[in-house]
Amino acid sequence: ILEPARRAGVLARCAVQLTSNGSFHWTMRVAQAEMARRAVEKFQIIMHNGNLRVAQGIWRDAPASVFEEIKALLDGTGVYKRSTGLTHCQHKNWHLTMPRG
C-alpha cells in the first residue's frame, strides 16, 4: 500500500510543477489506509484547478460503490485543500497537501 502512495505523491508534485504549461490529464493510484485498497483514478488539473474522483469502499476489498468528486484549489502556498463528505454517516475530510519542490 505504501508504494502506490509514494508514487501518487511524486505524481502530485510533478502535476503542481506542470500546471503552468496548460492543461493535461494523468492517472494516479490512491492508497486509502483505512480501507486498505487501491483504485486507479483520473485527475485533471487546468491552471491550478482540479477535479478528483475517488472510489470509496466501505470495508476491506469491497467493490467501489460510491464515487465522489472533490474540487481542489491551489491556494498559492502549494497546498490543495478541500473538505467534503460522502454521506452524513460516512463523512471524510480530504486535505491534499503537496509542498512545492
N, C-alpha and C. Protein backbone atom coordinates (compact mmCIF):
# COMPACT_ATOMS: atom_id res chain seq x y z
N ILE A 1 0.83 -1.19 0.00
CA ILE A 1 0.00 0.00 0.00
C ILE A 1 0.87 1.25 0.00
N LEU A 2 2.04 1.22 0.59
CA LEU A 2 2.87 2.42 0.67
C LEU A 2 3.45 2.81 -0.69
N GLU A 3 3.81 1.83 -1.51
CA GLU A 3 4.43 2.15 -2.80
C GLU A 3 3.50 2.96 -3.70
N PRO A 4 2.22 2.59 -3.87
CA PRO A 4 1.33 3.43 -4.68
C PRO A 4 1.16 4.83 -4.08
N ALA A 5 1.13 4.93 -2.77
CA ALA A 5 1.00 6.25 -2.14
C ALA A 5 2.23 7.10 -2.42
N ARG A 6 3.40 6.48 -2.39
CA ARG A 6 4.65 7.19 -2.67
C ARG A 6 4.65 7.69 -4.12
N ARG A 7 4.23 6.81 -5.05
CA ARG A 7 4.16 7.21 -6.46
C ARG A 7 3.15 8.32 -6.67
N ALA A 8 2.01 8.25 -5.98
CA ALA A 8 0.99 9.29 -6.11
C ALA A 8 1.53 10.63 -5.62
N GLY A 9 2.33 10.61 -4.55
CA GLY A 9 2.93 11.84 -4.05
C GLY A 9 3.88 12.45 -5.06
N VAL A 10 4.68 11.62 -5.71
CA VAL A 10 5.62 12.11 -6.73
C VAL A 10 4.85 12.69 -7.90
N LEU A 11 3.80 12.00 -8.35
CA LEU A 11 3.00 12.50 -9.46
C LEU A 11 2.31 13.80 -9.10
N ALA A 12 1.86 13.92 -7.85
CA ALA A 12 1.20 15.15 -7.43
C ALA A 12 2.16 16.32 -7.47
N ARG A 13 3.39 16.12 -7.01
CA ARG A 13 4.37 17.20 -7.05
C ARG A 13 4.68 17.59 -8.49
N CYS A 14 4.79 16.60 -9.37
CA CYS A 14 5.04 16.90 -10.79
C CYS A 14 3.86 17.67 -11.38
N ALA A 15 2.65 17.31 -10.98
CA ALA A 15 1.46 17.98 -11.51
C ALA A 15 1.46 19.45 -11.13
N VAL A 16 1.86 19.76 -9.90
CA VAL A 16 1.90 21.16 -9.47
C VAL A 16 2.90 21.93 -10.31
N GLN A 17 4.03 21.32 -10.63
CA GLN A 17 5.06 21.99 -11.42
C GLN A 17 4.63 22.17 -12.87
N LEU A 18 3.79 21.26 -13.39
CA LEU A 18 3.40 21.31 -14.79
C LEU A 18 2.17 22.16 -15.07
N THR A 19 1.47 22.61 -14.02
CA THR A 19 0.22 23.34 -14.27
C THR A 19 0.46 24.64 -15.01
N SER A 20 1.64 25.20 -14.90
CA SER A 20 1.90 26.46 -15.61
C SER A 20 1.98 26.26 -17.12
N ASN A 21 2.11 25.01 -17.57
CA ASN A 21 2.20 24.72 -19.00
C ASN A 21 0.84 24.52 -19.65
N GLY A 22 -0.24 24.58 -18.91
CA GLY A 22 -1.56 24.42 -19.50
C GLY A 22 -2.30 23.21 -18.96
N SER A 23 -3.14 22.62 -19.79
CA SER A 23 -3.98 21.50 -19.37
C SER A 23 -3.32 20.17 -19.68
N PHE A 24 -3.57 19.19 -18.84
CA PHE A 24 -3.09 17.84 -19.09
C PHE A 24 -3.91 16.87 -18.26
N HIS A 25 -3.86 15.60 -18.63
CA HIS A 25 -4.55 14.53 -17.91
C HIS A 25 -3.52 13.51 -17.47
N TRP A 26 -3.72 12.93 -16.28
CA TRP A 26 -2.84 11.87 -15.84
C TRP A 26 -3.61 10.96 -14.91
N THR A 27 -3.10 9.75 -14.75
CA THR A 27 -3.73 8.74 -13.92
C THR A 27 -2.87 8.48 -12.70
N MET A 28 -3.50 8.37 -11.53
CA MET A 28 -2.73 8.08 -10.33
C MET A 28 -3.44 7.02 -9.51
N ARG A 29 -2.70 6.38 -8.65
CA ARG A 29 -3.27 5.42 -7.72
C ARG A 29 -3.45 6.10 -6.38
N VAL A 30 -4.62 5.89 -5.77
CA VAL A 30 -4.91 6.48 -4.48
C VAL A 30 -4.91 5.36 -3.44
N ALA A 31 -4.00 5.44 -2.47
CA ALA A 31 -3.94 4.45 -1.40
C ALA A 31 -4.80 4.94 -0.25
N GLN A 32 -5.73 4.15 0.21
CA GLN A 32 -6.59 4.52 1.31
C GLN A 32 -6.32 3.56 2.45
N ALA A 33 -5.55 4.01 3.43
CA ALA A 33 -5.10 3.13 4.50
C ALA A 33 -6.26 2.57 5.30
N GLU A 34 -7.27 3.41 5.60
CA GLU A 34 -8.37 2.93 6.44
C GLU A 34 -9.19 1.85 5.75
N MET A 35 -9.19 1.79 4.44
CA MET A 35 -9.92 0.76 3.72
C MET A 35 -9.00 -0.27 3.09
N ALA A 36 -7.69 -0.04 3.17
CA ALA A 36 -6.67 -0.97 2.66
C ALA A 36 -6.95 -1.39 1.22
N ARG A 37 -7.22 -0.42 0.40
CA ARG A 37 -7.47 -0.73 -1.00
C ARG A 37 -6.92 0.37 -1.89
N ARG A 38 -6.72 0.04 -3.16
CA ARG A 38 -6.22 1.00 -4.14
C ARG A 38 -7.21 1.11 -5.28
N ALA A 39 -7.28 2.28 -5.87
CA ALA A 39 -8.14 2.47 -7.04
C ALA A 39 -7.42 3.38 -8.02
N VAL A 40 -7.58 3.10 -9.29
CA VAL A 40 -6.98 3.95 -10.31
C VAL A 40 -7.93 5.10 -10.59
N GLU A 41 -7.42 6.29 -10.53
CA GLU A 41 -8.25 7.48 -10.66
C GLU A 41 -7.70 8.43 -11.71
N LYS A 42 -8.56 9.23 -12.25
CA LYS A 42 -8.13 10.26 -13.19
C LYS A 42 -8.17 11.60 -12.48
N PHE A 43 -7.12 12.36 -12.66
CA PHE A 43 -7.00 13.67 -12.03
C PHE A 43 -6.74 14.68 -13.13
N GLN A 44 -7.55 15.69 -13.20
CA GLN A 44 -7.41 16.69 -14.25
C GLN A 44 -7.11 18.03 -13.59
N ILE A 45 -6.04 18.67 -14.01
CA ILE A 45 -5.71 19.99 -13.49
C ILE A 45 -5.72 20.97 -14.67
N ILE A 46 -6.46 22.02 -14.54
CA ILE A 46 -6.48 23.08 -15.55
C ILE A 46 -6.14 24.38 -14.83
N MET A 47 -4.92 24.84 -15.03
CA MET A 47 -4.45 26.09 -14.44
C MET A 47 -4.73 26.17 -12.94
N HIS A 48 -4.26 25.22 -12.20
CA HIS A 48 -4.34 25.15 -10.74
C HIS A 48 -5.72 24.79 -10.19
N ASN A 49 -6.69 24.46 -11.03
CA ASN A 49 -7.99 23.98 -10.56
C ASN A 49 -8.10 22.51 -10.94
N GLY A 50 -8.55 21.67 -9.99
CA GLY A 50 -8.59 20.25 -10.28
C GLY A 50 -9.87 19.60 -9.82
N ASN A 51 -10.24 18.52 -10.46
CA ASN A 51 -11.36 17.69 -10.05
C ASN A 51 -10.82 16.28 -9.85
N LEU A 52 -11.06 15.71 -8.69
CA LEU A 52 -10.55 14.38 -8.35
C LEU A 52 -11.73 13.48 -8.02
N ARG A 53 -11.84 12.37 -8.74
CA ARG A 53 -12.89 11.40 -8.44
C ARG A 53 -12.25 10.25 -7.69
N VAL A 54 -12.77 9.95 -6.51
CA VAL A 54 -12.19 8.95 -5.63
C VAL A 54 -13.17 7.81 -5.45
N ALA A 55 -12.72 6.59 -5.71
CA ALA A 55 -13.56 5.41 -5.49
C ALA A 55 -13.48 5.05 -4.02
N GLN A 56 -14.61 4.91 -3.38
CA GLN A 56 -14.66 4.62 -1.95
C GLN A 56 -15.30 3.25 -1.73
N GLY A 57 -14.71 2.44 -0.87
CA GLY A 57 -15.29 1.19 -0.44
C GLY A 57 -15.63 1.30 1.03
N ILE A 58 -16.58 0.53 1.50
CA ILE A 58 -16.99 0.60 2.90
C ILE A 58 -16.09 -0.28 3.77
N TRP A 59 -15.64 -1.42 3.28
CA TRP A 59 -14.78 -2.29 4.05
C TRP A 59 -13.65 -2.80 3.17
N ARG A 60 -12.71 -3.52 3.75
CA ARG A 60 -11.54 -4.00 3.03
C ARG A 60 -11.95 -4.83 1.82
N ASP A 61 -11.35 -4.50 0.67
CA ASP A 61 -11.57 -5.20 -0.59
C ASP A 61 -13.01 -5.14 -1.09
N ALA A 62 -13.77 -4.18 -0.61
CA ALA A 62 -15.14 -4.03 -1.10
C ALA A 62 -15.11 -3.40 -2.48
N PRO A 63 -16.07 -3.72 -3.33
CA PRO A 63 -16.12 -3.05 -4.63
C PRO A 63 -16.41 -1.57 -4.43
N ALA A 64 -15.88 -0.76 -5.31
CA ALA A 64 -16.10 0.68 -5.21
C ALA A 64 -17.57 0.97 -5.51
N SER A 65 -18.31 1.37 -4.50
CA SER A 65 -19.74 1.58 -4.69
C SER A 65 -20.13 3.05 -4.67
N VAL A 66 -19.24 3.91 -4.21
CA VAL A 66 -19.54 5.33 -4.12
C VAL A 66 -18.44 6.11 -4.81
N PHE A 67 -18.82 7.02 -5.67
CA PHE A 67 -17.85 7.90 -6.31
C PHE A 67 -18.15 9.32 -5.85
N GLU A 68 -17.08 10.01 -5.49
CA GLU A 68 -17.24 11.37 -5.00
C GLU A 68 -16.31 12.29 -5.77
N GLU A 69 -16.81 13.43 -6.16
CA GLU A 69 -15.98 14.41 -6.85
C GLU A 69 -15.48 15.42 -5.84
N ILE A 70 -14.17 15.63 -5.84
CA ILE A 70 -13.55 16.58 -4.92
C ILE A 70 -12.95 17.69 -5.76
N LYS A 71 -13.31 18.91 -5.47
CA LYS A 71 -12.74 20.04 -6.18
C LYS A 71 -11.66 20.64 -5.30
N ALA A 72 -10.47 20.77 -5.85
CA ALA A 72 -9.34 21.30 -5.09
C ALA A 72 -8.84 22.56 -5.77
N LEU A 73 -8.36 23.49 -4.98
CA LEU A 73 -7.84 24.74 -5.49
C LEU A 73 -6.49 25.01 -4.85
N LEU A 74 -5.50 25.31 -5.66
CA LEU A 74 -4.17 25.64 -5.15
C LEU A 74 -4.24 27.03 -4.54
N ASP A 75 -3.86 27.15 -3.25
CA ASP A 75 -4.02 28.42 -2.54
C ASP A 75 -2.82 29.34 -2.62
N GLY A 76 -1.83 29.03 -3.45
CA GLY A 76 -0.67 29.89 -3.60
C GLY A 76 0.52 29.48 -2.76
N THR A 77 0.30 28.60 -1.80
CA THR A 77 1.40 28.11 -0.97
C THR A 77 1.78 26.69 -1.34
N GLY A 78 1.20 26.16 -2.39
CA GLY A 78 1.50 24.79 -2.81
C GLY A 78 0.63 23.76 -2.12
N VAL A 79 -0.50 24.17 -1.54
CA VAL A 79 -1.36 23.25 -0.80
C VAL A 79 -2.74 23.22 -1.45
N TYR A 80 -3.21 22.01 -1.77
CA TYR A 80 -4.57 21.81 -2.24
C TYR A 80 -5.40 21.41 -1.03
N LYS A 81 -6.50 22.10 -0.77
CA LYS A 81 -7.33 21.74 0.38
C LYS A 81 -8.80 21.76 -0.01
N ARG A 82 -9.51 20.77 0.48
CA ARG A 82 -10.96 20.72 0.30
C ARG A 82 -11.51 19.71 1.28
N SER A 83 -12.50 20.07 2.05
CA SER A 83 -13.17 19.15 2.96
C SER A 83 -14.54 18.84 2.38
N THR A 84 -14.89 17.57 2.40
CA THR A 84 -16.17 17.17 1.84
C THR A 84 -16.61 15.87 2.50
N GLY A 85 -17.80 15.41 2.25
CA GLY A 85 -18.28 14.20 2.88
C GLY A 85 -19.02 13.30 1.91
N LEU A 86 -19.06 12.02 2.22
CA LEU A 86 -19.81 11.07 1.40
C LEU A 86 -21.30 11.15 1.75
N THR A 87 -21.63 10.80 2.97
CA THR A 87 -22.98 10.91 3.49
C THR A 87 -22.86 11.41 4.92
N HIS A 88 -23.97 11.59 5.59
CA HIS A 88 -23.90 12.03 6.98
C HIS A 88 -23.26 10.96 7.87
N CYS A 89 -23.29 9.69 7.45
CA CYS A 89 -22.68 8.61 8.23
C CYS A 89 -21.23 8.33 7.84
N GLN A 90 -20.84 8.69 6.65
CA GLN A 90 -19.51 8.36 6.14
C GLN A 90 -18.71 9.60 5.81
N HIS A 91 -18.70 10.57 6.71
CA HIS A 91 -18.01 11.82 6.43
C HIS A 91 -16.51 11.60 6.32
N LYS A 92 -15.92 12.12 5.27
CA LYS A 92 -14.47 12.03 5.04
C LYS A 92 -13.93 13.42 4.82
N ASN A 93 -12.82 13.74 5.47
CA ASN A 93 -12.14 15.01 5.24
C ASN A 93 -10.94 14.75 4.37
N TRP A 94 -10.78 15.53 3.34
CA TRP A 94 -9.68 15.36 2.41
C TRP A 94 -8.81 16.60 2.46
N HIS A 95 -7.55 16.42 2.75
CA HIS A 95 -6.58 17.51 2.74
C HIS A 95 -5.42 17.03 1.87
N LEU A 96 -5.36 17.51 0.67
CA LEU A 96 -4.33 17.10 -0.28
C LEU A 96 -3.19 18.10 -0.16
N THR A 97 -2.13 17.70 0.53
CA THR A 97 -1.01 18.61 0.77
C THR A 97 0.13 18.24 -0.15
N MET A 98 0.52 19.16 -0.99
CA MET A 98 1.60 18.94 -1.94
C MET A 98 2.57 20.10 -1.85
N PRO A 99 3.65 19.96 -1.07
CA PRO A 99 4.60 21.07 -0.95
C PRO A 99 5.31 21.33 -2.26
N ARG A 100 5.64 22.59 -2.47
CA ARG A 100 6.37 22.94 -3.69
C ARG A 100 7.75 22.32 -3.63
N GLY A 101 8.26 21.93 -4.76
CA GLY A 101 9.59 21.34 -4.76
C GLY A 101 9.95 20.94 -6.09
